[in-house]
Amino acid sequence: METITVRTREHSQLIDITREIQALVSESSMDAGIVNVFVPHTTAGITINESADPSVAHDILAVLDRLVPWRDPKYRHSEGNAAAHVKASLVGSSVRVIVSSGGLKLGTWQGIFFCEFDGPRTRKVHVALQPVDLG
């Protein structure tokens, strides 16, 4: 297992970490297998979505903010970041990606995004490589 560090600059932010994940695959010399990407934080998540147009990440955050506003008098969580916990649960804490010929088998427009919902912070992302012997 490998761990990468992500430093966020904003309260809510989607950061494309596809290059970092691909670099770990390349360094491992894994030709085929599965990459598991896991975020060990309750106010952050991980997702796969379009990485070619940065406005998509903006739109995702805007919709999540409308669905789960930061302040709501009905929240009971005493730390004041209940919305971040809800958003992280909606997005999820892990993704799996197939590796073939040493590369991530993402669609043309897809990227892997770290999702910050309670920043800015320094976060960790765990990456587990599971090689498959095709021979």
N, C-alpha and C. Protein backbone atom coordinates (compact mmCIF):
# COMPACT_ATOMS: atom_id res chain seq x y z
N MET A 1 0.85 -1.18 0.00
CA MET A 1 0.00 0.00 0.00
C MET A 1 0.89 1.24 0.00
N GLU A 2 0.46 2.22 -0.74
CA GLU A 2 1.13 3.52 -0.81
C GLU A 2 0.18 4.58 -0.28
N THR A 3 0.74 5.69 0.18
CA THR A 3 -0.07 6.81 0.65
C THR A 3 0.41 8.08 -0.03
N ILE A 4 -0.54 8.84 -0.56
CA ILE A 4 -0.20 10.15 -1.10
C ILE A 4 -0.83 11.21 -0.20
N THR A 5 -0.21 12.37 -0.19
CA THR A 5 -0.70 13.50 0.60
C THR A 5 -1.35 14.51 -0.33
N VAL A 6 -2.51 14.99 0.08
CA VAL A 6 -3.23 16.02 -0.69
C VAL A 6 -3.43 17.22 0.23
N ARG A 7 -2.98 18.37 -0.24
CA ARG A 7 -3.17 19.61 0.52
C ARG A 7 -4.25 20.43 -0.18
N THR A 8 -5.34 20.66 0.54
CA THR A 8 -6.43 21.45 -0.05
C THR A 8 -6.29 22.90 0.36
N ARG A 9 -6.80 23.78 -0.48
CA ARG A 9 -6.68 25.22 -0.25
C ARG A 9 -8.01 25.88 0.06
N GLU A 10 -9.11 25.14 -0.18
CA GLU A 10 -10.42 25.75 -0.02
C GLU A 10 -11.30 24.89 0.88
N HIS A 11 -12.41 25.47 1.29
CA HIS A 11 -13.35 24.75 2.14
C HIS A 11 -13.90 23.52 1.45
N SER A 12 -14.35 23.68 0.22
CA SER A 12 -14.82 22.58 -0.62
C SER A 12 -14.04 22.63 -1.92
N GLN A 13 -13.52 21.47 -2.31
CA GLN A 13 -12.65 21.46 -3.48
C GLN A 13 -12.55 20.05 -4.04
N LEU A 14 -12.55 19.92 -5.36
CA LEU A 14 -12.26 18.66 -6.02
C LEU A 14 -10.89 18.78 -6.66
N ILE A 15 -10.00 17.85 -6.33
CA ILE A 15 -8.63 17.88 -6.83
C ILE A 15 -8.38 16.62 -7.63
N ASP A 16 -7.97 16.79 -8.87
CA ASP A 16 -7.67 15.66 -9.75
C ASP A 16 -6.35 15.02 -9.31
N ILE A 17 -6.41 13.77 -8.88
CA ILE A 17 -5.21 13.05 -8.42
C ILE A 17 -4.87 11.88 -9.36
N THR A 18 -5.40 11.91 -10.57
CA THR A 18 -5.18 10.83 -11.53
C THR A 18 -3.69 10.63 -11.81
N ARG A 19 -2.95 11.70 -12.02
CA ARG A 19 -1.52 11.59 -12.33
C ARG A 19 -0.75 10.92 -11.20
N GLU A 20 -1.09 11.28 -9.97
CA GLU A 20 -0.40 10.69 -8.83
C GLU A 20 -0.67 9.19 -8.73
N ILE A 21 -1.93 8.80 -9.00
CA ILE A 21 -2.29 7.38 -8.95
C ILE A 21 -1.58 6.63 -10.09
N GLN A 22 -1.59 7.20 -11.30
CA GLN A 22 -0.91 6.57 -12.42
C GLN A 22 0.59 6.45 -12.15
N ALA A 23 1.18 7.44 -11.51
CA ALA A 23 2.62 7.38 -11.19
C ALA A 23 2.91 6.20 -10.27
N LEU A 24 2.05 5.95 -9.29
CA LEU A 24 2.25 4.81 -8.40
C LEU A 24 2.16 3.49 -9.16
N VAL A 25 1.21 3.42 -10.10
CA VAL A 25 1.08 2.21 -10.93
C VAL A 25 2.35 2.03 -11.76
N SER A 26 2.82 3.09 -12.38
CA SER A 26 4.01 3.01 -13.22
C SER A 26 5.24 2.61 -12.42
N GLU A 27 5.41 3.20 -11.23
CA GLU A 27 6.55 2.86 -10.38
C GLU A 27 6.53 1.41 -9.93
N SER A 28 5.34 0.85 -9.81
CA SER A 28 5.21 -0.54 -9.34
C SER A 28 5.51 -1.56 -10.44
N SER A 29 5.51 -1.12 -11.67
CA SER A 29 5.68 -2.01 -12.84
C SER A 29 4.54 -3.01 -12.96
N MET A 30 3.39 -2.70 -12.36
CA MET A 30 2.23 -3.58 -12.48
C MET A 30 1.66 -3.46 -13.88
N ASP A 31 1.55 -4.58 -14.57
CA ASP A 31 1.01 -4.57 -15.92
C ASP A 31 -0.51 -4.67 -15.94
N ALA A 32 -1.06 -5.53 -15.06
CA ALA A 32 -2.52 -5.73 -15.02
C ALA A 32 -2.96 -5.92 -13.59
N GLY A 33 -4.15 -5.43 -13.27
CA GLY A 33 -4.68 -5.60 -11.92
C GLY A 33 -5.75 -4.57 -11.59
N ILE A 34 -5.83 -4.30 -10.31
CA ILE A 34 -6.82 -3.36 -9.78
C ILE A 34 -6.11 -2.37 -8.87
N VAL A 35 -6.51 -1.12 -8.96
CA VAL A 35 -6.05 -0.10 -8.02
C VAL A 35 -7.23 0.27 -7.14
N ASN A 36 -7.04 0.16 -5.83
CA ASN A 36 -8.04 0.60 -4.86
C ASN A 36 -7.56 1.92 -4.27
N VAL A 37 -8.40 2.93 -4.35
CA VAL A 37 -8.07 4.25 -3.82
C VAL A 37 -9.04 4.54 -2.68
N PHE A 38 -8.49 4.80 -1.48
CA PHE A 38 -9.32 4.94 -0.28
C PHE A 38 -8.93 6.21 0.47
N VAL A 39 -9.94 6.94 0.91
CA VAL A 39 -9.74 8.16 1.70
C VAL A 39 -10.14 7.86 3.15
N PRO A 40 -9.19 7.94 4.10
CA PRO A 40 -9.49 7.62 5.49
C PRO A 40 -9.98 8.81 6.32
N HIS A 41 -10.87 9.59 5.74
CA HIS A 41 -11.36 10.79 6.42
C HIS A 41 -12.89 10.81 6.34
N THR A 42 -13.55 11.29 7.38
CA THR A 42 -15.01 11.31 7.40
C THR A 42 -15.62 12.57 6.80
N THR A 43 -14.78 13.53 6.43
CA THR A 43 -15.29 14.75 5.80
C THR A 43 -14.66 14.98 4.43
N ALA A 44 -14.21 13.90 3.82
CA ALA A 44 -13.63 13.95 2.47
C ALA A 44 -14.07 12.69 1.74
N GLY A 45 -13.95 12.72 0.42
CA GLY A 45 -14.35 11.56 -0.36
C GLY A 45 -13.47 11.39 -1.59
N ILE A 46 -13.87 10.45 -2.42
CA ILE A 46 -13.15 10.17 -3.66
C ILE A 46 -14.19 9.81 -4.72
N THR A 47 -13.99 10.29 -5.93
CA THR A 47 -14.93 9.98 -7.00
C THR A 47 -14.22 9.97 -8.35
N ILE A 48 -14.88 9.42 -9.33
CA ILE A 48 -14.40 9.46 -10.71
C ILE A 48 -15.42 10.26 -11.51
N ASN A 49 -14.91 11.25 -12.25
CA ASN A 49 -15.80 12.05 -13.08
C ASN A 49 -14.98 12.73 -14.16
N GLU A 50 -15.61 13.63 -14.91
CA GLU A 50 -14.93 14.29 -16.02
C GLU A 50 -13.80 15.18 -15.52
N SER A 51 -12.64 15.00 -16.14
CA SER A 51 -11.49 15.82 -15.76
C SER A 51 -11.06 16.79 -16.85
N ALA A 52 -11.67 16.72 -18.03
CA ALA A 52 -11.28 17.60 -19.14
C ALA A 52 -11.78 19.03 -18.95
N ASP A 53 -12.95 19.20 -18.37
CA ASP A 53 -13.56 20.52 -18.20
C ASP A 53 -13.68 20.83 -16.71
N PRO A 54 -12.89 21.79 -16.20
CA PRO A 54 -12.91 22.10 -14.76
C PRO A 54 -14.28 22.59 -14.26
N SER A 55 -15.15 23.04 -15.17
CA SER A 55 -16.45 23.51 -14.72
C SER A 55 -17.31 22.36 -14.19
N VAL A 56 -17.00 21.12 -14.58
CA VAL A 56 -17.76 19.97 -14.06
C VAL A 56 -17.53 19.86 -12.55
N ALA A 57 -16.29 19.96 -12.10
CA ALA A 57 -16.00 19.90 -10.66
C ALA A 57 -16.71 21.03 -9.93
N HIS A 58 -16.69 22.22 -10.52
CA HIS A 58 -17.40 23.35 -9.92
C HIS A 58 -18.90 23.05 -9.79
N ASP A 59 -19.48 22.49 -10.85
CA ASP A 59 -20.91 22.17 -10.84
C ASP A 59 -21.25 21.11 -9.79
N ILE A 60 -20.40 20.11 -9.66
CA ILE A 60 -20.63 19.07 -8.66
C ILE A 60 -20.66 19.69 -7.26
N LEU A 61 -19.68 20.54 -6.97
CA LEU A 61 -19.65 21.19 -5.66
C LEU A 61 -20.86 22.09 -5.45
N ALA A 62 -21.28 22.80 -6.49
CA ALA A 62 -22.43 23.70 -6.38
C ALA A 62 -23.71 22.91 -6.08
N VAL A 63 -23.90 21.79 -6.76
CA VAL A 63 -25.10 20.98 -6.52
C VAL A 63 -25.06 20.38 -5.11
N LEU A 64 -23.91 19.88 -4.69
CA LEU A 64 -23.80 19.34 -3.32
C LEU A 64 -24.10 20.42 -2.28
N ASP A 65 -23.65 21.66 -2.53
CA ASP A 65 -23.93 22.76 -1.60
C ASP A 65 -25.42 23.07 -1.54
N ARG A 66 -26.11 22.95 -2.67
CA ARG A 66 -27.56 23.18 -2.65
C ARG A 66 -28.29 22.03 -1.94
N LEU A 67 -27.84 20.81 -2.18
CA LEU A 67 -28.48 19.65 -1.54
C LEU A 67 -28.21 19.58 -0.05
N VAL A 68 -26.97 19.94 0.32
CA VAL A 68 -26.54 19.83 1.72
C VAL A 68 -25.89 21.16 2.11
N PRO A 69 -26.69 22.14 2.52
CA PRO A 69 -26.12 23.45 2.89
C PRO A 69 -25.21 23.35 4.12
N TRP A 70 -24.22 24.23 4.17
CA TRP A 70 -23.25 24.19 5.26
C TRP A 70 -23.92 24.41 6.62
N ARG A 71 -24.82 25.33 6.69
CA ARG A 71 -25.50 25.63 7.96
C ARG A 71 -26.97 25.21 7.85
N ASP A 72 -27.43 24.52 8.87
CA ASP A 72 -28.84 24.14 8.97
C ASP A 72 -29.15 23.99 10.46
N PRO A 73 -30.15 24.69 10.96
CA PRO A 73 -30.44 24.62 12.40
C PRO A 73 -30.84 23.21 12.87
N LYS A 74 -31.16 22.33 11.95
CA LYS A 74 -31.56 20.97 12.33
C LYS A 74 -30.37 20.03 12.52
N TYR A 75 -29.16 20.45 12.11
CA TYR A 75 -27.98 19.61 12.32
C TYR A 75 -27.72 19.49 13.82
N ARG A 76 -27.34 18.32 14.27
CA ARG A 76 -27.07 18.08 15.69
C ARG A 76 -25.59 17.93 16.00
N HIS A 77 -24.77 17.66 14.99
CA HIS A 77 -23.34 17.42 15.20
C HIS A 77 -22.71 18.68 15.79
N SER A 78 -22.09 18.57 16.93
CA SER A 78 -21.62 19.73 17.68
C SER A 78 -20.38 20.40 17.10
N GLU A 79 -19.65 19.73 16.23
CA GLU A 79 -18.44 20.34 15.67
C GLU A 79 -18.74 21.35 14.57
N GLY A 80 -19.98 21.40 14.09
CA GLY A 80 -20.34 22.38 13.08
C GLY A 80 -20.02 21.99 11.66
N ASN A 81 -19.63 20.74 11.42
CA ASN A 81 -19.30 20.33 10.05
C ASN A 81 -20.15 19.14 9.59
N ALA A 82 -21.38 19.10 10.06
CA ALA A 82 -22.29 18.01 9.69
C ALA A 82 -22.44 17.89 8.18
N ALA A 83 -22.51 19.03 7.49
CA ALA A 83 -22.68 18.99 6.03
C ALA A 83 -21.51 18.27 5.37
N ALA A 84 -20.31 18.45 5.87
CA ALA A 84 -19.14 17.78 5.29
C ALA A 84 -19.25 16.27 5.46
N HIS A 85 -19.75 15.83 6.59
CA HIS A 85 -19.94 14.39 6.82
C HIS A 85 -20.98 13.82 5.86
N VAL A 86 -22.06 14.54 5.65
CA VAL A 86 -23.13 14.07 4.75
C VAL A 86 -22.60 14.01 3.32
N LYS A 87 -21.91 15.04 2.87
CA LYS A 87 -21.37 15.05 1.51
C LYS A 87 -20.38 13.91 1.30
N ALA A 88 -19.53 13.66 2.29
CA ALA A 88 -18.57 12.56 2.18
C ALA A 88 -19.29 11.22 2.06
N SER A 89 -20.39 11.06 2.79
CA SER A 89 -21.16 9.82 2.69
C SER A 89 -21.82 9.68 1.32
N LEU A 90 -22.30 10.78 0.78
CA LEU A 90 -22.93 10.74 -0.55
C LEU A 90 -21.93 10.38 -1.65
N VAL A 91 -20.74 10.95 -1.57
CA VAL A 91 -19.72 10.72 -2.59
C VAL A 91 -19.05 9.35 -2.42
N GLY A 92 -18.76 8.98 -1.18
CA GLY A 92 -18.11 7.71 -0.91
C GLY A 92 -16.63 7.88 -0.60
N SER A 93 -16.05 6.84 -0.02
CA SER A 93 -14.66 6.92 0.45
C SER A 93 -13.68 6.12 -0.39
N SER A 94 -14.14 5.45 -1.45
CA SER A 94 -13.19 4.67 -2.25
C SER A 94 -13.67 4.49 -3.68
N VAL A 95 -12.70 4.22 -4.55
CA VAL A 95 -12.98 3.83 -5.93
C VAL A 95 -12.00 2.73 -6.31
N ARG A 96 -12.39 1.93 -7.29
CA ARG A 96 -11.53 0.89 -7.84
C ARG A 96 -11.39 1.14 -9.33
N VAL A 97 -10.16 0.97 -9.83
CA VAL A 97 -9.90 1.19 -11.25
C VAL A 97 -9.09 0.01 -11.78
N ILE A 98 -9.47 -0.48 -12.94
CA ILE A 98 -8.75 -1.56 -13.60
C ILE A 98 -7.45 -1.01 -14.19
N VAL A 99 -6.40 -1.82 -14.11
CA VAL A 99 -5.12 -1.50 -14.74
C VAL A 99 -4.88 -2.53 -15.83
N SER A 100 -4.53 -2.06 -17.02
CA SER A 100 -4.21 -2.94 -18.14
C SER A 100 -3.07 -2.31 -18.91
N SER A 101 -2.10 -3.12 -19.29
CA SER A 101 -0.91 -2.63 -20.01
C SER A 101 -0.24 -1.49 -19.25
N GLY A 102 -0.25 -1.58 -17.92
CA GLY A 102 0.41 -0.60 -17.07
C GLY A 102 -0.31 0.73 -16.92
N GLY A 103 -1.53 0.84 -17.45
CA GLY A 103 -2.24 2.12 -17.38
C GLY A 103 -3.61 1.98 -16.76
N LEU A 104 -4.08 3.07 -16.17
CA LEU A 104 -5.42 3.11 -15.62
C LEU A 104 -6.42 3.04 -16.77
N LYS A 105 -7.42 2.19 -16.65
CA LYS A 105 -8.40 2.03 -17.72
C LYS A 105 -9.60 2.95 -17.48
N LEU A 106 -9.31 4.22 -17.45
CA LEU A 106 -10.35 5.24 -17.30
C LEU A 106 -10.87 5.62 -18.68
N GLY A 107 -12.08 6.12 -18.73
CA GLY A 107 -12.63 6.62 -19.98
C GLY A 107 -11.87 7.86 -20.42
N THR A 108 -12.05 8.25 -21.66
CA THR A 108 -11.33 9.36 -22.25
C THR A 108 -11.38 10.63 -21.39
N TRP A 109 -12.53 10.92 -20.83
CA TRP A 109 -12.71 12.17 -20.09
C TRP A 109 -12.64 11.98 -18.58
N GLN A 110 -12.43 10.76 -18.11
CA GLN A 110 -12.49 10.49 -16.67
C GLN A 110 -11.19 10.79 -15.94
N GLY A 111 -11.35 11.24 -14.71
CA GLY A 111 -10.23 11.43 -13.79
C GLY A 111 -10.66 11.02 -12.40
N ILE A 112 -9.68 10.78 -11.54
CA ILE A 112 -9.94 10.42 -10.15
C ILE A 112 -9.79 11.69 -9.32
N PHE A 113 -10.82 12.01 -8.56
CA PHE A 113 -10.84 13.25 -7.79
C PHE A 113 -10.89 13.01 -6.29
N PHE A 114 -10.01 13.70 -5.57
CA PHE A 114 -10.13 13.80 -4.12
C PHE A 114 -11.13 14.91 -3.85
N CYS A 115 -12.09 14.66 -2.97
CA CYS A 115 -13.16 15.60 -2.69
C CYS A 115 -13.03 16.13 -1.26
N GLU A 116 -12.69 17.39 -1.14
CA GLU A 116 -12.58 18.04 0.17
C GLU A 116 -13.89 18.72 0.51
N PHE A 117 -14.40 18.47 1.71
CA PHE A 117 -15.64 19.10 2.14
C PHE A 117 -15.50 19.87 3.45
N ASP A 118 -14.28 19.92 4.03
CA ASP A 118 -14.09 20.60 5.31
C ASP A 118 -12.66 21.13 5.41
N GLY A 119 -12.24 21.83 4.37
CA GLY A 119 -10.86 22.30 4.31
C GLY A 119 -10.74 23.75 4.71
N PRO A 120 -9.56 24.28 4.48
CA PRO A 120 -8.38 23.61 3.93
C PRO A 120 -7.71 22.69 4.95
N ARG A 121 -7.14 21.62 4.44
CA ARG A 121 -6.49 20.62 5.28
C ARG A 121 -5.40 19.90 4.50
N THR A 122 -4.61 19.13 5.23
CA THR A 122 -3.69 18.18 4.63
C THR A 122 -4.29 16.81 4.86
N ARG A 123 -4.49 16.08 3.77
CA ARG A 123 -5.20 14.80 3.82
C ARG A 123 -4.33 13.67 3.28
N LYS A 124 -4.77 12.46 3.57
CA LYS A 124 -4.09 11.28 3.06
C LYS A 124 -5.03 10.52 2.13
N VAL A 125 -4.43 9.87 1.14
CA VAL A 125 -5.15 8.97 0.25
C VAL A 125 -4.33 7.69 0.19
N HIS A 126 -4.95 6.58 0.55
CA HIS A 126 -4.27 5.28 0.51
C HIS A 126 -4.56 4.62 -0.83
N VAL A 127 -3.53 4.03 -1.39
CA VAL A 127 -3.64 3.38 -2.70
C VAL A 127 -3.07 1.97 -2.57
N ALA A 128 -3.93 0.98 -2.86
CA ALA A 128 -3.51 -0.42 -2.81
C ALA A 128 -3.54 -0.97 -4.23
N LEU A 129 -2.42 -1.56 -4.63
CA LEU A 129 -2.29 -2.15 -5.95
C LEU A 129 -2.45 -3.66 -5.83
N GLN A 130 -3.34 -4.23 -6.65
CA GLN A 130 -3.56 -5.66 -6.65
C GLN A 130 -3.25 -6.21 -8.04
N PRO A 131 -2.02 -6.69 -8.23
CA PRO A 131 -1.67 -7.25 -9.54
C PRO A 131 -2.44 -8.51 -9.85
N VAL A 132 -2.64 -8.75 -11.14
CA VAL A 132 -3.29 -9.96 -11.62
C VAL A 132 -2.33 -10.61 -12.63
N ASP A 133 -2.10 -11.88 -12.49
CA ASP A 133 -1.25 -12.60 -13.43
C ASP A 133 -2.11 -13.12 -14.57
N LEU A 134 -1.92 -12.58 -15.75
CA LEU A 134 -2.71 -12.97 -16.90
C LEU A 134 -2.09 -14.15 -17.66
N GLY A 135 -0.94 -14.60 -17.20
CA GLY A 135 -0.24 -15.68 -17.91
C GLY A 135 -0.61 -16.98 -17.40
